[in-house]
Amino acid sequence: MKNILVPVEDHGVVEQALETALLLARTFGSYIEGMAVSSEYPVVLPVDIAIGVPSPYTPESRADIAKACRERFEGLMLSKGIARAAQGVPGPSFGWRQDGLMDDADIGSYGRVFDITVLGRPDGSDGQTRLATVEAALFETGRPVLIAPPQAPRTFDQTAVIAWNRSTETARAVSASMPLLTRAQRVVVLELEGWGTSGPSGGELSRALRNHGINAEAVTAADPQNKPGETILTEAAALGCDLLIKGAYTQSRLRQMFFGGATSHILANTTIPVLMAH
């Protein structure tokens, strides 16, 4: 995880995402790149038909917003003692994408050359990351996304919990998280009774992880109220989890919009870092 992308909005709460990215960068000696992101986005109907809306920004205001985003990002990096990449100093470094104010589609495409994108929790409150931004990174980059909790984490390497539902999406998330799983003191493959698709059991996944030298074990928990998102977060907290691994949207996104789902609940409510892939 040597290349980390962090989208920045000038008015949003970005400190948690930047602190989480810094923890990741210090772990792997990574390069962090910031990019300015606009809060404008298309109107999306429930049938996923996007209707463009006129931009409220003039070229001048877009330049001002991009400048404010850059100053915010670089100010935090420098305050934490992180060197500019151009200085060639060993260890974590940072840079800035120079193309002005980007939108969610740009995150989806540009993020393909990064190992991971770090974003804040999209809980719908003012100033927080928009769900549309997270979904652009999840669906379009082909790379994992790390969701930062409201309070920046201090560790990633104590207890990692894999919310295993045997899906393709979760298998991708596990693969993407291997650099972190190999560093974890303990890895718990968590299954819920009656939840998931057909596929290998948690025990079979934990055996495969142990073949990589990972201290993995399988745990099955009850979910009597059929609320997997809530149960996963509760069980993860009880296990002392400092990193949750989860596949994104095994159910269709449209179904989750109307009926809810584990991914939607976790994205909106997590208090621990969540690594997701789709």
Foldseek 3Di string as FASTA:
>chain_A
DAEEEEEFFLQADRVQLLLQVVQVQQVPLHEYEYEYEDPDDFDADLVRDTDDDDDPDDPVVQQVRRVSRVCVNVVVCVVVVADDVVVVDGGYHYYYDDPTYDYLLCCLDVLLVGQEYTAEQCQPDPRHDPPSNVVSNQPRNQHKYKYGAPHHDDDQAEEEEEADQQDPFSVSLCVSCVVRQQRHPEYEYEYEPPGHDDHDDSQVVQVVVVVVVGRYDYDYYYDVVPAVLVVVQVVCVVVVHQEYTYEACPPPPSCCVPPNDNRVSCSNDPRHMYMYHD
